């Protein structure tokens, strides 16, 4: 039986820096840069990038706050090379994008790199990069092992897209028994309605949804 003292019910208790990791999800040039793949391909379903620049700025503030508080920072990168993709994933991409579209977030390219304003510090052991080839950062990666080796209980989510890789990772984190906290203004989607619906679902089923100011105030205190 779990003792009530083992359950972290308040936001402050959940995001205590010593057991919290900030997951920066897919903030890569191809997804968030105005000259990246998403901005230039006009892909169906990617209707509005208006919220992306704000999310980049909020992520940058959140990242600096996490650094100051000593929170573990994990940068998640999507790799879109066909060598890493399964037949169902390839079929879905081709259905939405067509056969002839150029690849996105290909390994070793500028598009796959994290946006300059959020670039990880390779010399800091509390900044780690995890590459993935599925929407969830837990699928086929070392993320769970990395978090548990650092004694992490809570993941703070930020990044893109809210209804895609952010929500998929949040679901898997919750099912793997992590507390999940989502920074609403540090996430973005390419359809504002999808963004709002996804945040509502995350708040209903997986954990706190708060703005980055509230997280920063807690870490500052």
C-alpha atoms as a PDB file:
ATOM      1  CA  UNK A   1       0.000   0.000   0.000  1.00  0.00           C
ATOM      2  CA  UNK A   2       1.311   3.448  -0.935  1.00  0.00           C
ATOM      3  CA  UNK A   3       1.568   5.856   1.986  1.00  0.00           C
ATOM      4  CA  UNK A   4      -0.033   9.250   1.470  1.00  0.00           C
ATOM      5  CA  UNK A   5       3.299  10.890   2.259  1.00  0.00           C
ATOM      6  CA  UNK A   6       4.761   9.285  -0.869  1.00  0.00           C
ATOM      7  CA  UNK A   7       2.276  11.016  -3.160  1.00  0.00           C
ATOM      8  CA  UNK A   8       3.335  14.444  -4.465  1.00  0.00           C
ATOM      9  CA  UNK A   9       0.015  16.248  -4.833  1.00  0.00           C
ATOM     10  CA  UNK A  10       0.962  19.913  -5.150  1.00  0.00           C
ATOM     11  CA  UNK A  11       2.655  21.520  -8.118  1.00  0.00           C
ATOM     12  CA  UNK A  12       5.515  22.763  -5.943  1.00  0.00           C
ATOM     13  CA  UNK A  13       6.229  19.295  -4.593  1.00  0.00           C
ATOM     14  CA  UNK A  14       6.108  17.724  -8.029  1.00  0.00           C
ATOM     15  CA  UNK A  15       8.533  20.160  -9.690  1.00  0.00           C
ATOM     16  CA  UNK A  16      11.130  20.270  -6.902  1.00  0.00           C
ATOM     17  CA  UNK A  17      14.361  20.691  -8.918  1.00  0.00           C
ATOM     18  CA  UNK A  18      16.243  17.703  -7.479  1.00  0.00           C
ATOM     19  CA  UNK A  19      13.786  15.217  -8.993  1.00  0.00           C
ATOM     20  CA  UNK A  20      12.552  17.140 -12.051  1.00  0.00           C
ATOM     21  CA  UNK A  21      13.593  17.027 -15.712  1.00  0.00           C
ATOM     22  CA  UNK A  22      12.709  19.541 -18.402  1.00  0.00           C
ATOM     23  CA  UNK A  23      11.958  17.771 -21.697  1.00  0.00           C
ATOM     24  CA  UNK A  24      12.464  20.077 -24.681  1.00  0.00           C
ATOM     25  CA  UNK A  25      10.573  18.214 -27.398  1.00  0.00           C
ATOM     26  CA  UNK A  26      11.423  18.568 -31.101  1.00  0.00           C
ATOM     27  CA  UNK A  27      12.397  22.241 -31.001  1.00  0.00           C
ATOM     28  CA  UNK A  28      14.343  21.664 -34.195  1.00  0.00           C
ATOM     29  CA  UNK A  29      14.941  23.978 -37.121  1.00  0.00           C
ATOM     30  CA  UNK A  30      12.756  22.027 -39.539  1.00  0.00           C
ATOM     31  CA  UNK A  31       9.823  22.314 -37.122  1.00  0.00           C
ATOM     32  CA  UNK A  32      10.157  25.812 -35.632  1.00  0.00           C
ATOM     33  CA  UNK A  33      12.500  27.943 -37.758  1.00  0.00           C
ATOM     34  CA  UNK A  34      10.852  30.256 -40.325  1.00  0.00           C
ATOM     35  CA  UNK A  35      13.112  28.736 -42.994  1.00  0.00           C
ATOM     36  CA  UNK A  36      12.571  25.153 -41.826  1.00  0.00           C
ATOM     37  CA  UNK A  37      10.696  22.307 -43.500  1.00  0.00           C
ATOM     38  CA  UNK A  38       7.277  22.894 -41.936  1.00  0.00           C
ATOM     39  CA  UNK A  39       7.252  26.613 -42.758  1.00  0.00           C
ATOM     40  CA  UNK A  40       8.223  26.068 -46.392  1.00  0.00           C
ATOM     41  CA  UNK A  41       6.287  22.925 -47.348  1.00  0.00           C
ATOM     42  CA  UNK A  42       2.720  24.080 -46.616  1.00  0.00           C
ATOM     43  CA  UNK A  43       1.830  20.567 -45.504  1.00  0.00           C
ATOM     44  CA  UNK A  44      -1.896  19.778 -45.106  1.00  0.00           C
ATOM     45  CA  UNK A  45      -3.005  20.169 -41.495  1.00  0.00           C
ATOM     46  CA  UNK A  46      -0.217  22.634 -40.699  1.00  0.00           C
ATOM     47  CA  UNK A  47      -2.421  25.681 -40.785  1.00  0.00           C
ATOM     48  CA  UNK A  48      -0.839  28.312 -38.575  1.00  0.00           C
ATOM     49  CA  UNK A  49       2.675  28.843 -37.237  1.00  0.00           C
ATOM     50  CA  UNK A  50       1.716  31.959 -35.287  1.00  0.00           C
ATOM     51  CA  UNK A  51       2.145  30.292 -31.904  1.00  0.00           C
ATOM     52  CA  UNK A  52       5.501  28.736 -32.675  1.00  0.00           C
ATOM     53  CA  UNK A  53       7.707  31.821 -32.241  1.00  0.00           C
ATOM     54  CA  UNK A  54       6.097  32.540 -28.860  1.00  0.00           C
ATOM     55  CA  UNK A  55       6.700  28.956 -27.777  1.00  0.00           C
ATOM     56  CA  UNK A  56      10.368  29.221 -28.783  1.00  0.00           C
ATOM     57  CA  UNK A  57      10.756  32.340 -26.614  1.00  0.00           C
ATOM     58  CA  UNK A  58       8.951  30.758 -23.654  1.00  0.00           C
ATOM     59  CA  UNK A  59      11.034  27.599 -23.997  1.00  0.00           C
ATOM     60  CA  UNK A  60      14.197  29.692 -23.915  1.00  0.00           C
ATOM     61  CA  UNK A  61      13.106  31.384 -20.674  1.00  0.00           C
ATOM     62  CA  UNK A  62      12.120  28.046 -19.179  1.00  0.00           C
ATOM     63  CA  UNK A  63      15.450  26.531 -20.174  1.00  0.00           C
ATOM     64  CA  UNK A  64      17.382  29.333 -18.484  1.00  0.00           C
ATOM     65  CA  UNK A  65      15.273  28.918 -15.347  1.00  0.00           C
ATOM     66  CA  UNK A  66      15.908  25.180 -15.340  1.00  0.00           C
ATOM     67  CA  UNK A  67      19.636  25.769 -15.698  1.00  0.00           C
ATOM     68  CA  UNK A  68      19.656  28.190 -12.783  1.00  0.00           C
ATOM     69  CA  UNK A  69      17.661  25.771 -10.610  1.00  0.00           C
ATOM     70  CA  UNK A  70      19.808  22.752 -11.449  1.00  0.00           C
ATOM     71  CA  UNK A  71      16.960  20.894 -13.198  1.00  0.00           C
ATOM     72  CA  UNK A  72      17.989  18.109 -15.591  1.00  0.00           C
ATOM     73  CA  UNK A  73      17.478  19.205 -19.211  1.00  0.00           C
ATOM     74  CA  UNK A  74      16.783  16.656 -21.929  1.00  0.00           C
ATOM     75  CA  UNK A  75      16.602  17.747 -25.557  1.00  0.00           C
ATOM     76  CA  UNK A  76      14.473  15.435 -27.667  1.00  0.00           C
ATOM     77  CA  UNK A  77      15.194  15.314 -31.399  1.00  0.00           C
ATOM     78  CA  UNK A  78      13.096  13.626 -34.068  1.00  0.00           C
ATOM     79  CA  UNK A  79      15.032  11.851 -36.833  1.00  0.00           C
ATOM     80  CA  UNK A  80      13.043  11.476 -40.035  1.00  0.00           C
ATOM     81  CA  UNK A  81      15.391   9.295 -42.082  1.00  0.00           C
ATOM     82  CA  UNK A  82      13.557   6.347 -43.661  1.00  0.00           C
ATOM     83  CA  UNK A  83      16.220   4.024 -42.222  1.00  0.00           C
ATOM     84  CA  UNK A  84      14.711   4.671 -38.765  1.00  0.00           C
ATOM     85  CA  UNK A  85      11.058   4.463 -39.766  1.00  0.00           C
ATOM     86  CA  UNK A  86       8.705   1.503 -39.839  1.00  0.00           C
ATOM     87  CA  UNK A  87       6.459   0.668 -42.823  1.00  0.00           C
ATOM     88  CA  UNK A  88       3.338   2.018 -41.024  1.00  0.00           C
ATOM     89  CA  UNK A  89       5.109   5.312 -40.265  1.00  0.00           C
ATOM     90  CA  UNK A  90       6.371   5.621 -43.849  1.00  0.00           C
ATOM     91  CA  UNK A  91       2.878   4.887 -45.183  1.00  0.00           C
ATOM     92  CA  UNK A  92       1.371   7.587 -42.978  1.00  0.00           C
ATOM     93  CA  UNK A  93       3.985  10.157 -44.004  1.00  0.00           C
ATOM     94  CA  UNK A  94       3.480   9.373 -47.690  1.00  0.00           C
ATOM     95  CA  UNK A  95      -0.309   9.557 -47.318  1.00  0.00           C
ATOM     96  CA  UNK A  96      -0.069  13.055 -45.833  1.00  0.00           C
ATOM     97  CA  UNK A  97       2.974  14.424 -47.623  1.00  0.00           C
ATOM     98  CA  UNK A  98       3.026  12.640 -50.970  1.00  0.00           C
ATOM     99  CA  UNK A  99       5.759  10.522 -52.468  1.00  0.00           C
ATOM    100  CA  UNK A 100       7.998  13.276 -53.749  1.00  0.00           C
ATOM    101  CA  UNK A 101       8.377  15.634 -50.787  1.00  0.00           C
ATOM    102  CA  UNK A 102      11.900  16.081 -49.393  1.00  0.00           C
ATOM    103  CA  UNK A 103      12.733  14.500 -46.054  1.00  0.00           C
ATOM    104  CA  UNK A 104      12.396  16.326 -42.755  1.00  0.00           C
ATOM    105  CA  UNK A 105      14.789  16.399 -39.745  1.00  0.00           C
ATOM    106  CA  UNK A 106      17.290  14.163 -41.501  1.00  0.00           C
ATOM    107  CA  UNK A 107      20.225  13.112 -39.343  1.00  0.00           C
ATOM    108  CA  UNK A 108      23.228  15.409 -39.643  1.00  0.00           C
ATOM    109  CA  UNK A 109      21.344  18.239 -41.335  1.00  0.00           C
ATOM    110  CA  UNK A 110      20.659  21.788 -40.151  1.00  0.00           C
ATOM    111  CA  UNK A 111      16.961  20.976 -40.032  1.00  0.00           C
ATOM    112  CA  UNK A 112      17.464  18.253 -37.432  1.00  0.00           C
ATOM    113  CA  UNK A 113      19.433  20.470 -35.075  1.00  0.00           C
ATOM    114  CA  UNK A 114      17.881  22.198 -32.068  1.00  0.00           C
ATOM    115  CA  UNK A 115      17.018  25.860 -32.660  1.00  0.00           C
ATOM    116  CA  UNK A 116      19.958  28.135 -31.829  1.00  0.00           C
ATOM    117  CA  UNK A 117      18.133  29.884 -28.979  1.00  0.00           C
ATOM    118  CA  UNK A 118      17.697  26.492 -27.263  1.00  0.00           C
ATOM    119  CA  UNK A 119      20.970  24.824 -28.176  1.00  0.00           C
ATOM    120  CA  UNK A 120      22.177  22.313 -25.551  1.00  0.00           C
ATOM    121  CA  UNK A 121      25.501  22.820 -23.798  1.00  0.00           C
ATOM    122  CA  UNK A 122      27.564  19.750 -24.655  1.00  0.00           C
ATOM    123  CA  UNK A 123      29.892  20.376 -21.695  1.00  0.00           C
ATOM    124  CA  UNK A 124      27.113  20.276 -19.093  1.00  0.00           C
ATOM    125  CA  UNK A 125      26.299  16.761 -17.804  1.00  0.00           C
ATOM    126  CA  UNK A 126      22.802  17.968 -16.886  1.00  0.00           C
ATOM    127  CA  UNK A 127      22.077  18.613 -20.571  1.00  0.00           C
ATOM    128  CA  UNK A 128      21.422  15.442 -22.554  1.00  0.00           C
ATOM    129  CA  UNK A 129      20.190  14.742 -26.093  1.00  0.00           C
ATOM    130  CA  UNK A 130      17.855  11.847 -26.856  1.00  0.00           C
ATOM    131  CA  UNK A 131      17.089  11.030 -30.487  1.00  0.00           C
ATOM    132  CA  UNK A 132      13.849   9.304 -31.460  1.00  0.00           C
ATOM    133  CA  UNK A 133      12.071   8.060 -34.560  1.00  0.00           C
ATOM    134  CA  UNK A 134       8.511   7.914 -33.217  1.00  0.00           C
ATOM    135  CA  UNK A 135       6.175  10.529 -31.767  1.00  0.00           C
ATOM    136  CA  UNK A 136       6.806   9.474 -28.164  1.00  0.00           C
ATOM    137  CA  UNK A 137      10.283  10.147 -26.797  1.00  0.00           C
ATOM    138  CA  UNK A 138       9.985   6.909 -24.790  1.00  0.00           C
ATOM    139  CA  UNK A 139       9.508   4.645 -27.826  1.00  0.00           C
ATOM    140  CA  UNK A 140      12.734   2.770 -28.522  1.00  0.00           C
ATOM    141  CA  UNK A 141      15.008   5.295 -26.779  1.00  0.00           C
ATOM    142  CA  UNK A 142      17.157   5.536 -23.634  1.00  0.00           C
ATOM    143  CA  UNK A 143      14.965   8.249 -22.128  1.00  0.00           C
ATOM    144  CA  UNK A 144      13.424   6.172 -19.331  1.00  0.00           C
ATOM    145  CA  UNK A 145      16.825   4.819 -18.268  1.00  0.00           C
ATOM    146  CA  UNK A 146      18.308   8.320 -18.336  1.00  0.00           C
ATOM    147  CA  UNK A 147      15.541   9.751 -16.163  1.00  0.00           C
ATOM    148  CA  UNK A 148      15.622   6.934 -13.623  1.00  0.00           C
ATOM    149  CA  UNK A 149      19.410   7.076 -13.347  1.00  0.00           C
ATOM    150  CA  UNK A 150      19.035  10.725 -12.269  1.00  0.00           C
ATOM    151  CA  UNK A 151      16.286   9.947  -9.764  1.00  0.00           C
ATOM    152  CA  UNK A 152      13.672  11.842 -11.758  1.00  0.00           C
ATOM    153  CA  UNK A 153      10.051  11.745 -10.604  1.00  0.00           C
ATOM    154  CA  UNK A 154       8.582  14.562 -12.708  1.00  0.00           C
ATOM    155  CA  UNK A 155       8.898  15.626 -16.325  1.00  0.00           C
ATOM    156  CA  UNK A 156       8.097  19.189 -17.355  1.00  0.00           C
ATOM    157  CA  UNK A 157       7.006  19.234 -20.982  1.00  0.00           C
ATOM    158  CA  UNK A 158       7.633  21.920 -23.581  1.00  0.00           C
ATOM    159  CA  UNK A 159       7.999  21.861 -27.348  1.00  0.00           C
ATOM    160  CA  UNK A 160       6.105  20.918 -30.505  1.00  0.00           C
ATOM    161  CA  UNK A 161       3.678  19.789 -31.576  1.00  0.00           C
ATOM    162  CA  UNK A 162       1.337  19.890 -28.604  1.00  0.00           C
ATOM    163  CA  UNK A 163      -1.106  17.347 -30.024  1.00  0.00           C
ATOM    164  CA  UNK A 164       1.641  15.159 -31.489  1.00  0.00           C
ATOM    165  CA  UNK A 165       4.994  14.474 -29.902  1.00  0.00           C
ATOM    166  CA  UNK A 166       4.347  16.476 -26.711  1.00  0.00           C
ATOM    167  CA  UNK A 167       1.094  14.703 -25.925  1.00  0.00           C
ATOM    168  CA  UNK A 168       2.435  11.286 -27.003  1.00  0.00           C
ATOM    169  CA  UNK A 169       5.442  11.678 -24.709  1.00  0.00           C
ATOM    170  CA  UNK A 170       3.234  12.947 -21.872  1.00  0.00           C
ATOM    171  CA  UNK A 171       0.974   9.909 -22.149  1.00  0.00           C
ATOM    172  CA  UNK A 172       3.901   7.500 -22.041  1.00  0.00           C
ATOM    173  CA  UNK A 173       5.544   9.374 -19.176  1.00  0.00           C
ATOM    174  CA  UNK A 174       2.358   9.160 -17.098  1.00  0.00           C
ATOM    175  CA  UNK A 175       1.970   5.458 -17.910  1.00  0.00           C
ATOM    176  CA  UNK A 176       5.591   4.934 -16.833  1.00  0.00           C
ATOM    177  CA  UNK A 177       4.700   6.478 -13.433  1.00  0.00           C
ATOM    178  CA  UNK A 178       6.215   9.926 -13.838  1.00  0.00           C
ATOM    179  CA  UNK A 179       4.416  13.060 -12.724  1.00  0.00           C
ATOM    180  CA  UNK A 180       3.723  15.191 -15.808  1.00  0.00           C
ATOM    181  CA  UNK A 181       3.617  19.002 -15.842  1.00  0.00           C
ATOM    182  CA  UNK A 182       3.101  20.848 -19.134  1.00  0.00           C
ATOM    183  CA  UNK A 183       4.170  24.429 -19.786  1.00  0.00           C
ATOM    184  CA  UNK A 184       1.210  25.629 -21.838  1.00  0.00           C
ATOM    185  CA  UNK A 185       2.833  28.712 -23.394  1.00  0.00           C
ATOM    186  CA  UNK A 186       6.079  26.871 -24.137  1.00  0.00           C
ATOM    187  CA  UNK A 187       4.230  24.379 -26.350  1.00  0.00           C
ATOM    188  CA  UNK A 188       2.799  25.021 -29.808  1.00  0.00           C
ATOM    189  CA  UNK A 189       0.858  23.310 -32.538  1.00  0.00           C
ATOM    190  CA  UNK A 190       0.286  24.206 -36.174  1.00  0.00           C
ATOM    191  CA  UNK A 191      -3.452  24.398 -35.563  1.00  0.00           C
ATOM    192  CA  UNK A 192      -4.512  26.550 -32.578  1.00  0.00           C
ATOM    193  CA  UNK A 193      -7.608  24.443 -31.930  1.00  0.00           C
ATOM    194  CA  UNK A 194      -5.556  21.234 -31.778  1.00  0.00           C
ATOM    195  CA  UNK A 195      -3.220  22.959 -29.315  1.00  0.00           C
ATOM    196  CA  UNK A 196      -6.093  23.904 -26.998  1.00  0.00           C
ATOM    197  CA  UNK A 197      -7.827  20.523 -27.240  1.00  0.00           C
ATOM    198  CA  UNK A 198      -4.583  18.731 -26.478  1.00  0.00           C
ATOM    199  CA  UNK A 199      -3.847  20.879 -23.426  1.00  0.00           C
ATOM    200  CA  UNK A 200      -7.361  20.209 -22.141  1.00  0.00           C
ATOM    201  CA  UNK A 201      -6.841  16.458 -22.508  1.00  0.00           C
ATOM    202  CA  UNK A 202      -3.418  16.562 -20.837  1.00  0.00           C
ATOM    203  CA  UNK A 203      -4.845  18.577 -17.934  1.00  0.00           C
ATOM    204  CA  UNK A 204      -7.765  16.163 -17.598  1.00  0.00           C
ATOM    205  CA  UNK A 205      -5.797  12.923 -17.702  1.00  0.00           C
ATOM    206  CA  UNK A 206      -2.063  13.335 -17.185  1.00  0.00           C
ATOM    207  CA  UNK A 207      -1.083  16.237 -14.932  1.00  0.00           C
ATOM    208  CA  UNK A 208      -0.822  19.949 -14.277  1.00  0.00           C
ATOM    209  CA  UNK A 209      -0.970  22.381 -17.199  1.00  0.00           C
ATOM    210  CA  UNK A 210       0.452  25.777 -16.183  1.00  0.00           C
ATOM    211  CA  UNK A 211       2.245  28.664 -17.858  1.00  0.00           C
ATOM    212  CA  UNK A 212       6.004  29.019 -17.758  1.00  0.00           C
ATOM    213  CA  UNK A 213       5.879  31.970 -15.332  1.00  0.00           C
ATOM    214  CA  UNK A 214       4.363  29.740 -12.663  1.00  0.00           C
ATOM    215  CA  UNK A 215       7.088  27.157 -13.121  1.00  0.00           C
ATOM    216  CA  UNK A 216       9.824  29.769 -13.011  1.00  0.00           C
ATOM    217  CA  UNK A 217       8.402  31.349  -9.855  1.00  0.00           C
ATOM    218  CA  UNK A 218       8.430  27.973  -8.142  1.00  0.00           C
ATOM    219  CA  UNK A 219      12.015  27.234  -9.207  1.00  0.00           C
ATOM    220  CA  UNK A 220      13.153  30.720  -8.195  1.00  0.00           C
ATOM    221  CA  UNK A 221      11.728  30.253  -4.705  1.00  0.00           C
END
